[in-house]
ModelCIF file with pLDDT and N, C-alpha, C, O atoms, coordinates in Angstrom:
data_MODEL
#
_entry.id   MODEL 
#
_entity.id                         1 
_entity.type                       polymer 
_entity.pdbx_number_of_molecules   1 
#
_entity_poly.entity_id                      1 
_entity_poly.type                           'polypeptide(L)' 
_entity_poly.nstd_linkage                   no 
_entity_poly.nstd_monomer                   no 
_entity_poly.pdbx_seq_one_letter_code       PQIYRTGTMFATASKTETQGIVLLEAMATGLPCVAVD 
_entity_poly.pdbx_seq_one_letter_code_can   PQIYRTGTMFATASKTETQGIVLLEAMATGLPCVAVD 
_entity_poly.pdbx_strand_id                 A 
#
loop_
_entity_poly_seq.entity_id 
_entity_poly_seq.num 
_entity_poly_seq.mon_id 
_entity_poly_seq.hetero 
1 1  PRO n 
1 2  GLN n 
1 3  ILE n 
1 4  TYR n 
1 5  ARG n 
1 6  THR n 
1 7  GLY n 
1 8  THR n 
1 9  MET n 
1 10 PHE n 
1 11 ALA n 
1 12 THR n 
1 13 ALA n 
1 14 SER n 
1 15 LYS n 
1 16 THR n 
1 17 GLU n 
1 18 THR n 
1 19 GLN n 
1 20 GLY n 
1 21 ILE n 
1 22 VAL n 
1 23 LEU n 
1 24 LEU n 
1 25 GLU n 
1 26 ALA n 
1 27 MET n 
1 28 ALA n 
1 29 THR n 
1 30 GLY n 
1 31 LEU n 
1 32 PRO n 
1 33 CYS n 
1 34 VAL n 
1 35 ALA n 
1 36 VAL n 
1 37 ASP n 
#
_struct_asym.id          A 
_struct_asym.entity_id   1 
#
loop_
_ma_qa_metric.id 
_ma_qa_metric.mode 
_ma_qa_metric.name 
_ma_qa_metric.software_group_id 
_ma_qa_metric.type 
1 global pLDDT . pLDDT 
2 local  pLDDT . pLDDT 
#
_ma_qa_metric_global.metric_id      1 
_ma_qa_metric_global.metric_value   93.92 
_ma_qa_metric_global.model_id       1 
_ma_qa_metric_global.ordinal_id     1 
#
loop_
_ma_qa_metric_local.label_asym_id 
_ma_qa_metric_local.label_comp_id 
_ma_qa_metric_local.label_seq_id 
_ma_qa_metric_local.metric_id 
_ma_qa_metric_local.metric_value 
_ma_qa_metric_local.model_id 
_ma_qa_metric_local.ordinal_id 
A PRO 1  2 96.00 1 1  
A GLN 2  2 97.00 1 2  
A ILE 3  2 97.00 1 3  
A TYR 4  2 98.00 1 4  
A ARG 5  2 98.00 1 5  
A THR 6  2 98.00 1 6  
A GLY 7  2 98.00 1 7  
A THR 8  2 98.00 1 8  
A MET 9  2 98.00 1 9  
A PHE 10 2 98.00 1 10 
A ALA 11 2 98.00 1 11 
A THR 12 2 96.00 1 12 
A ALA 13 2 95.00 1 13 
A SER 14 2 92.00 1 14 
A LYS 15 2 88.00 1 15 
A THR 16 2 79.00 1 16 
A GLU 17 2 81.00 1 17 
A THR 18 2 74.00 1 18 
A GLN 19 2 79.00 1 19 
A GLY 20 2 86.00 1 20 
A ILE 21 2 90.00 1 21 
A VAL 22 2 93.00 1 22 
A LEU 23 2 95.00 1 23 
A LEU 24 2 95.00 1 24 
A GLU 25 2 96.00 1 25 
A ALA 26 2 97.00 1 26 
A MET 27 2 97.00 1 27 
A ALA 28 2 97.00 1 28 
A THR 29 2 97.00 1 29 
A GLY 30 2 97.00 1 30 
A LEU 31 2 98.00 1 31 
A PRO 32 2 98.00 1 32 
A CYS 33 2 98.00 1 33 
A VAL 34 2 98.00 1 34 
A ALA 35 2 97.00 1 35 
A VAL 36 2 95.00 1 36 
A ASP 37 2 93.00 1 37 
#
loop_
_atom_site.group_PDB 
_atom_site.id 
_atom_site.type_symbol 
_atom_site.label_atom_id 
_atom_site.label_alt_id 
_atom_site.label_comp_id 
_atom_site.label_asym_id 
_atom_site.label_entity_id 
_atom_site.label_seq_id 
_atom_site.pdbx_PDB_ins_code 
_atom_site.Cartn_x 
_atom_site.Cartn_y 
_atom_site.Cartn_z 
_atom_site.occupancy 
_atom_site.B_iso_or_equiv 
_atom_site.pdbx_formal_charge 
_atom_site.auth_seq_id 
_atom_site.auth_comp_id 
_atom_site.auth_asym_id 
_atom_site.auth_atom_id 
_atom_site.pdbx_PDB_model_num 
ATOM 1   N N  . PRO A 1 1  ? 106.877 84.482 -133.757 1.00 96.00 ? 1  PRO A N  1 
ATOM 2   C CA . PRO A 1 1  ? 107.298 85.677 -134.500 1.00 96.00 ? 1  PRO A CA 1 
ATOM 3   C C  . PRO A 1 1  ? 107.781 85.342 -135.910 1.00 96.00 ? 1  PRO A C  1 
ATOM 4   O O  . PRO A 1 1  ? 107.621 86.140 -136.834 1.00 96.00 ? 1  PRO A O  1 
ATOM 5   N N  . GLN A 1 2  ? 108.370 84.160 -136.067 1.00 97.00 ? 2  GLN A N  1 
ATOM 6   C CA . GLN A 1 2  ? 108.828 83.727 -137.394 1.00 97.00 ? 2  GLN A CA 1 
ATOM 7   C C  . GLN A 1 2  ? 107.653 83.457 -138.330 1.00 97.00 ? 2  GLN A C  1 
ATOM 8   O O  . GLN A 1 2  ? 107.721 83.752 -139.523 1.00 97.00 ? 2  GLN A O  1 
ATOM 9   N N  . ILE A 1 3  ? 106.575 82.895 -137.781 1.00 97.00 ? 3  ILE A N  1 
ATOM 10  C CA . ILE A 1 3  ? 105.374 82.645 -138.585 1.00 97.00 ? 3  ILE A CA 1 
ATOM 11  C C  . ILE A 1 3  ? 104.819 83.961 -139.121 1.00 97.00 ? 3  ILE A C  1 
ATOM 12  O O  . ILE A 1 3  ? 104.443 84.045 -140.290 1.00 97.00 ? 3  ILE A O  1 
ATOM 13  N N  . TYR A 1 4  ? 104.766 84.989 -138.275 1.00 98.00 ? 4  TYR A N  1 
ATOM 14  C CA . TYR A 1 4  ? 104.296 86.299 -138.737 1.00 98.00 ? 4  TYR A CA 1 
ATOM 15  C C  . TYR A 1 4  ? 105.140 86.790 -139.917 1.00 98.00 ? 4  TYR A C  1 
ATOM 16  O O  . TYR A 1 4  ? 104.609 87.387 -140.854 1.00 98.00 ? 4  TYR A O  1 
ATOM 17  N N  . ARG A 1 5  ? 106.434 86.542 -139.874 1.00 98.00 ? 5  ARG A N  1 
ATOM 18  C CA . ARG A 1 5  ? 107.328 87.041 -140.912 1.00 98.00 ? 5  ARG A CA 1 
ATOM 19  C C  . ARG A 1 5  ? 107.145 86.339 -142.257 1.00 98.00 ? 5  ARG A C  1 
ATOM 20  O O  . ARG A 1 5  ? 107.644 86.813 -143.277 1.00 98.00 ? 5  ARG A O  1 
ATOM 21  N N  . THR A 1 6  ? 106.431 85.216 -142.262 1.00 98.00 ? 6  THR A N  1 
ATOM 22  C CA . THR A 1 6  ? 106.134 84.559 -143.544 1.00 98.00 ? 6  THR A CA 1 
ATOM 23  C C  . THR A 1 6  ? 104.976 85.229 -144.270 1.00 98.00 ? 6  THR A C  1 
ATOM 24  O O  . THR A 1 6  ? 104.771 84.994 -145.460 1.00 98.00 ? 6  THR A O  1 
ATOM 25  N N  . GLY A 1 7  ? 104.214 86.068 -143.558 1.00 98.00 ? 7  GLY A N  1 
ATOM 26  C CA . GLY A 1 7  ? 102.999 86.656 -144.126 1.00 98.00 ? 7  GLY A CA 1 
ATOM 27  C C  . GLY A 1 7  ? 103.266 87.827 -145.049 1.00 98.00 ? 7  GLY A C  1 
ATOM 28  O O  . GLY A 1 7  ? 104.253 88.549 -144.902 1.00 98.00 ? 7  GLY A O  1 
ATOM 29  N N  . THR A 1 8  ? 102.366 88.001 -146.005 1.00 98.00 ? 8  THR A N  1 
ATOM 30  C CA . THR A 1 8  ? 102.333 89.207 -146.833 1.00 98.00 ? 8  THR A CA 1 
ATOM 31  C C  . THR A 1 8  ? 101.394 90.224 -146.193 1.00 98.00 ? 8  THR A C  1 
ATOM 32  O O  . THR A 1 8  ? 101.617 91.433 -146.267 1.00 98.00 ? 8  THR A O  1 
ATOM 33  N N  . MET A 1 9  ? 100.346 89.711 -145.565 1.00 98.00 ? 9  MET A N  1 
ATOM 34  C CA . MET A 1 9  ? 99.353  90.537 -144.895 1.00 98.00 ? 9  MET A CA 1 
ATOM 35  C C  . MET A 1 9  ? 98.693  89.700 -143.810 1.00 98.00 ? 9  MET A C  1 
ATOM 36  O O  . MET A 1 9  ? 98.837  88.478 -143.780 1.00 98.00 ? 9  MET A O  1 
ATOM 37  N N  . PHE A 1 10 ? 97.964  90.372 -142.916 1.00 98.00 ? 10 PHE A N  1 
ATOM 38  C CA . PHE A 1 10 ? 97.239  89.694 -141.850 1.00 98.00 ? 10 PHE A CA 1 
ATOM 39  C C  . PHE A 1 10 ? 95.751  89.963 -142.026 1.00 98.00 ? 10 PHE A C  1 
ATOM 40  O O  . PHE A 1 10 ? 95.361  91.053 -142.443 1.00 98.00 ? 10 PHE A O  1 
ATOM 41  N N  . ALA A 1 11 ? 94.919  88.973 -141.711 1.00 98.00 ? 11 ALA A N  1 
ATOM 42  C CA . ALA A 1 11 ? 93.473  89.154 -141.868 1.00 98.00 ? 11 ALA A CA 1 
ATOM 43  C C  . ALA A 1 11 ? 92.715  88.490 -140.726 1.00 98.00 ? 11 ALA A C  1 
ATOM 44  O O  . ALA A 1 11 ? 93.078  87.410 -140.260 1.00 98.00 ? 11 ALA A O  1 
ATOM 45  N N  . THR A 1 12 ? 91.659  89.156 -140.289 1.00 96.00 ? 12 THR A N  1 
ATOM 46  C CA . THR A 1 12 ? 90.757  88.601 -139.296 1.00 96.00 ? 12 THR A CA 1 
ATOM 47  C C  . THR A 1 12 ? 89.366  89.171 -139.542 1.00 96.00 ? 12 THR A C  1 
ATOM 48  O O  . THR A 1 12 ? 89.219  90.301 -140.006 1.00 96.00 ? 12 THR A O  1 
ATOM 49  N N  . ALA A 1 13 ? 88.339  88.370 -139.223 1.00 95.00 ? 13 ALA A N  1 
ATOM 50  C CA . ALA A 1 13 ? 86.954  88.843 -139.343 1.00 95.00 ? 13 ALA A CA 1 
ATOM 51  C C  . ALA A 1 13 ? 86.268  88.858 -137.988 1.00 95.00 ? 13 ALA A C  1 
ATOM 52  O O  . ALA A 1 13 ? 85.044  88.961 -137.910 1.00 95.00 ? 13 ALA A O  1 
ATOM 53  N N  . SER A 1 14 ? 87.054  88.756 -136.916 1.00 92.00 ? 14 SER A N  1 
ATOM 54  C CA . SER A 1 14 ? 86.497  88.697 -135.564 1.00 92.00 ? 14 SER A CA 1 
ATOM 55  C C  . SER A 1 14 ? 85.747  89.977 -135.212 1.00 92.00 ? 14 SER A C  1 
ATOM 56  O O  . SER A 1 14 ? 86.188  91.084 -135.521 1.00 92.00 ? 14 SER A O  1 
ATOM 57  N N  . LYS A 1 15 ? 84.589  89.793 -134.549 1.00 88.00 ? 15 LYS A N  1 
ATOM 58  C CA . LYS A 1 15 ? 83.755  90.925 -134.134 1.00 88.00 ? 15 LYS A CA 1 
ATOM 59  C C  . LYS A 1 15 ? 83.768  91.116 -132.622 1.00 88.00 ? 15 LYS A C  1 
ATOM 60  O O  . LYS A 1 15 ? 83.000  91.922 -132.096 1.00 88.00 ? 15 LYS A O  1 
ATOM 61  N N  . THR A 1 16 ? 84.633  90.382 -131.915 1.00 79.00 ? 16 THR A N  1 
ATOM 62  C CA . THR A 1 16 ? 84.566  90.375 -130.454 1.00 79.00 ? 16 THR A CA 1 
ATOM 63  C C  . THR A 1 16 ? 85.894  90.746 -129.801 1.00 79.00 ? 16 THR A C  1 
ATOM 64  O O  . THR A 1 16 ? 86.217  90.230 -128.731 1.00 79.00 ? 16 THR A O  1 
ATOM 65  N N  . GLU A 1 17 ? 86.669  91.633 -130.428 1.00 81.00 ? 17 GLU A N  1 
ATOM 66  C CA . GLU A 1 17 ? 87.976  91.994 -129.873 1.00 81.00 ? 17 GLU A CA 1 
ATOM 67  C C  . GLU A 1 17 ? 87.894  93.270 -129.032 1.00 81.00 ? 17 GLU A C  1 
ATOM 68  O O  . GLU A 1 17 ? 87.334  94.275 -129.468 1.00 81.00 ? 17 GLU A O  1 
ATOM 69  N N  . THR A 1 18 ? 88.459  93.217 -127.817 1.00 74.00 ? 18 THR A N  1 
ATOM 70  C CA . THR A 1 18 ? 88.595  94.430 -127.025 1.00 74.00 ? 18 THR A CA 1 
ATOM 71  C C  . THR A 1 18 ? 89.880  95.171 -127.396 1.00 74.00 ? 18 THR A C  1 
ATOM 72  O O  . THR A 1 18 ? 90.076  96.317 -126.992 1.00 74.00 ? 18 THR A O  1 
ATOM 73  N N  . GLN A 1 19 ? 90.736  94.530 -128.150 1.00 79.00 ? 19 GLN A N  1 
ATOM 74  C CA . GLN A 1 19 ? 91.898  95.164 -128.775 1.00 79.00 ? 19 GLN A CA 1 
ATOM 75  C C  . GLN A 1 19 ? 92.446  94.273 -129.889 1.00 79.00 ? 19 GLN A C  1 
ATOM 76  O O  . GLN A 1 19 ? 92.475  94.680 -131.050 1.00 79.00 ? 19 GLN A O  1 
ATOM 77  N N  . GLY A 1 20 ? 92.874  93.083 -129.547 1.00 86.00 ? 20 GLY A N  1 
ATOM 78  C CA . GLY A 1 20 ? 93.418  92.165 -130.529 1.00 86.00 ? 20 GLY A CA 1 
ATOM 79  C C  . GLY A 1 20 ? 94.940  92.162 -130.512 1.00 86.00 ? 20 GLY A C  1 
ATOM 80  O O  . GLY A 1 20 ? 95.577  92.861 -131.300 1.00 86.00 ? 20 GLY A O  1 
ATOM 81  N N  . ILE A 1 21 ? 95.527  91.366 -129.603 1.00 90.00 ? 21 ILE A N  1 
ATOM 82  C CA . ILE A 1 21 ? 96.980  91.305 -129.512 1.00 90.00 ? 21 ILE A CA 1 
ATOM 83  C C  . ILE A 1 21 ? 97.589  90.830 -130.817 1.00 90.00 ? 21 ILE A C  1 
ATOM 84  O O  . ILE A 1 21 ? 98.675  91.271 -131.193 1.00 90.00 ? 21 ILE A O  1 
ATOM 85  N N  . VAL A 1 22 ? 96.892  89.924 -131.519 1.00 93.00 ? 22 VAL A N  1 
ATOM 86  C CA . VAL A 1 22 ? 97.444  89.426 -132.784 1.00 93.00 ? 22 VAL A CA 1 
ATOM 87  C C  . VAL A 1 22 ? 97.562  90.539 -133.824 1.00 93.00 ? 22 VAL A C  1 
ATOM 88  O O  . VAL A 1 22 ? 98.476  90.525 -134.649 1.00 93.00 ? 22 VAL A O  1 
ATOM 89  N N  . LEU A 1 23 ? 96.647  91.493 -133.787 1.00 95.00 ? 23 LEU A N  1 
ATOM 90  C CA . LEU A 1 23 ? 96.741  92.639 -134.703 1.00 95.00 ? 23 LEU A CA 1 
ATOM 91  C C  . LEU A 1 23 ? 97.979  93.480 -134.380 1.00 95.00 ? 23 LEU A C  1 
ATOM 92  O O  . LEU A 1 23 ? 98.673  93.948 -135.283 1.00 95.00 ? 23 LEU A O  1 
ATOM 93  N N  . LEU A 1 24 ? 98.244  93.665 -133.099 1.00 95.00 ? 24 LEU A N  1 
ATOM 94  C CA . LEU A 1 24 ? 99.439  94.404 -132.698 1.00 95.00 ? 24 LEU A CA 1 
ATOM 95  C C  . LEU A 1 24 ? 100.703 93.668 -133.146 1.00 95.00 ? 24 LEU A C  1 
ATOM 96  O O  . LEU A 1 24 ? 101.644 94.279 -133.652 1.00 95.00 ? 24 LEU A O  1 
ATOM 97  N N  . GLU A 1 25 ? 100.710 92.359 -132.953 1.00 96.00 ? 25 GLU A N  1 
ATOM 98  C CA . GLU A 1 25 ? 101.874 91.567 -133.357 1.00 96.00 ? 25 GLU A CA 1 
ATOM 99  C C  . GLU A 1 25 ? 102.081 91.617 -134.867 1.00 96.00 ? 25 GLU A C  1 
ATOM 100 O O  . GLU A 1 25 ? 103.215 91.683 -135.342 1.00 96.00 ? 25 GLU A O  1 
ATOM 101 N N  . ALA A 1 26 ? 100.989 91.584 -135.616 1.00 97.00 ? 26 ALA A N  1 
ATOM 102 C CA . ALA A 1 26 ? 101.082 91.665 -137.079 1.00 97.00 ? 26 ALA A CA 1 
ATOM 103 C C  . ALA A 1 26 ? 101.618 93.030 -137.512 1.00 97.00 ? 26 ALA A C  1 
ATOM 104 O O  . ALA A 1 26 ? 102.496 93.110 -138.371 1.00 97.00 ? 26 ALA A O  1 
ATOM 105 N N  . MET A 1 27 ? 101.093 94.098 -136.923 1.00 97.00 ? 27 MET A N  1 
ATOM 106 C CA . MET A 1 27 ? 101.566 95.445 -137.257 1.00 97.00 ? 27 MET A CA 1 
ATOM 107 C C  . MET A 1 27 ? 103.047 95.605 -136.946 1.00 97.00 ? 27 MET A C  1 
ATOM 108 O O  . MET A 1 27 ? 103.789 96.214 -137.717 1.00 97.00 ? 27 MET A O  1 
ATOM 109 N N  . ALA A 1 28 ? 103.477 95.050 -135.800 1.00 97.00 ? 28 ALA A N  1 
ATOM 110 C CA . ALA A 1 28 ? 104.878 95.159 -135.406 1.00 97.00 ? 28 ALA A CA 1 
ATOM 111 C C  . ALA A 1 28 ? 105.789 94.419 -136.376 1.00 97.00 ? 28 ALA A C  1 
ATOM 112 O O  . ALA A 1 28 ? 106.970 94.742 -136.504 1.00 97.00 ? 28 ALA A O  1 
ATOM 113 N N  . THR A 1 29 ? 105.230 93.424 -137.057 1.00 97.00 ? 29 THR A N  1 
ATOM 114 C CA . THR A 1 29 ? 106.001 92.661 -138.034 1.00 97.00 ? 29 THR A CA 1 
ATOM 115 C C  . THR A 1 29 ? 105.936 93.312 -139.412 1.00 97.00 ? 29 THR A C  1 
ATOM 116 O O  . THR A 1 29 ? 106.557 92.830 -140.359 1.00 97.00 ? 29 THR A O  1 
ATOM 117 N N  . GLY A 1 30 ? 105.190 94.399 -139.524 1.00 97.00 ? 30 GLY A N  1 
ATOM 118 C CA . GLY A 1 30 ? 105.111 95.125 -140.784 1.00 97.00 ? 30 GLY A CA 1 
ATOM 119 C C  . GLY A 1 30 ? 104.049 94.626 -141.738 1.00 97.00 ? 30 GLY A C  1 
ATOM 120 O O  . GLY A 1 30 ? 104.125 94.876 -142.941 1.00 97.00 ? 30 GLY A O  1 
ATOM 121 N N  . LEU A 1 31 ? 103.048 93.916 -141.210 1.00 98.00 ? 31 LEU A N  1 
ATOM 122 C CA . LEU A 1 31 ? 101.999 93.373 -142.079 1.00 98.00 ? 31 LEU A CA 1 
ATOM 123 C C  . LEU A 1 31 ? 100.803 94.321 -142.167 1.00 98.00 ? 31 LEU A C  1 
ATOM 124 O O  . LEU A 1 31 ? 100.286 94.747 -141.134 1.00 98.00 ? 31 LEU A O  1 
ATOM 125 N N  . PRO A 1 32 ? 100.354 94.659 -143.375 1.00 98.00 ? 32 PRO A N  1 
ATOM 126 C CA . PRO A 1 32 ? 99.069  95.350 -143.529 1.00 98.00 ? 32 PRO A CA 1 
ATOM 127 C C  . PRO A 1 32 ? 97.956  94.445 -142.993 1.00 98.00 ? 32 PRO A C  1 
ATOM 128 O O  . PRO A 1 32 ? 98.064  93.222 -143.076 1.00 98.00 ? 32 PRO A O  1 
ATOM 129 N N  . CYS A 1 33 ? 96.907  95.026 -142.451 1.00 98.00 ? 33 CYS A N  1 
ATOM 130 C CA . CYS A 1 33 ? 95.853  94.232 -141.811 1.00 98.00 ? 33 CYS A CA 1 
ATOM 131 C C  . CYS A 1 33 ? 94.490  94.485 -142.456 1.00 98.00 ? 33 CYS A C  1 
ATOM 132 O O  . CYS A 1 33 ? 94.159  95.616 -142.811 1.00 98.00 ? 33 CYS A O  1 
ATOM 133 N N  . VAL A 1 34 ? 93.711  93.424 -142.601 1.00 98.00 ? 34 VAL A N  1 
ATOM 134 C CA . VAL A 1 34 ? 92.304  93.532 -142.954 1.00 98.00 ? 34 VAL A CA 1 
ATOM 135 C C  . VAL A 1 34 ? 91.506  93.021 -141.760 1.00 98.00 ? 34 VAL A C  1 
ATOM 136 O O  . VAL A 1 34 ? 91.735  91.912 -141.277 1.00 98.00 ? 34 VAL A O  1 
ATOM 137 N N  . ALA A 1 35 ? 90.575  93.835 -141.291 1.00 97.00 ? 35 ALA A N  1 
ATOM 138 C CA . ALA A 1 35 ? 89.774  93.474 -140.127 1.00 97.00 ? 35 ALA A CA 1 
ATOM 139 C C  . ALA A 1 35 ? 88.381  94.061 -140.297 1.00 97.00 ? 35 ALA A C  1 
ATOM 140 O O  . ALA A 1 35 ? 88.098  94.703 -141.309 1.00 97.00 ? 35 ALA A O  1 
ATOM 141 N N  . VAL A 1 36 ? 87.511  93.847 -139.317 1.00 95.00 ? 36 VAL A N  1 
ATOM 142 C CA . VAL A 1 36 ? 86.146  94.363 -139.411 1.00 95.00 ? 36 VAL A CA 1 
ATOM 143 C C  . VAL A 1 36 ? 85.925  95.454 -138.380 1.00 95.00 ? 36 VAL A C  1 
ATOM 144 O O  . VAL A 1 36 ? 86.517  95.437 -137.301 1.00 95.00 ? 36 VAL A O  1 
ATOM 145 N N  . ASP A 1 37 ? 85.067  96.399 -138.726 1.00 93.00 ? 37 ASP A N  1 
ATOM 146 C CA . ASP A 1 37 ? 84.806  97.564 -137.879 1.00 93.00 ? 37 ASP A CA 1 
ATOM 147 C C  . ASP A 1 37 ? 83.774  97.206 -136.816 1.00 93.00 ? 37 ASP A C  1 
ATOM 148 O O  . ASP A 1 37 ? 83.413  98.051 -135.997 1.00 93.00 ? 37 ASP A O  1 
#
């Protein structure tokens, strides 16, 4: 959780997520996210 707090934003290019727990964790830490549709 401390590592997430060092971020300005979160980014992933994964195309194989059924949800993405890391995206949820990033959002909960207040990070804007860049991902793929």
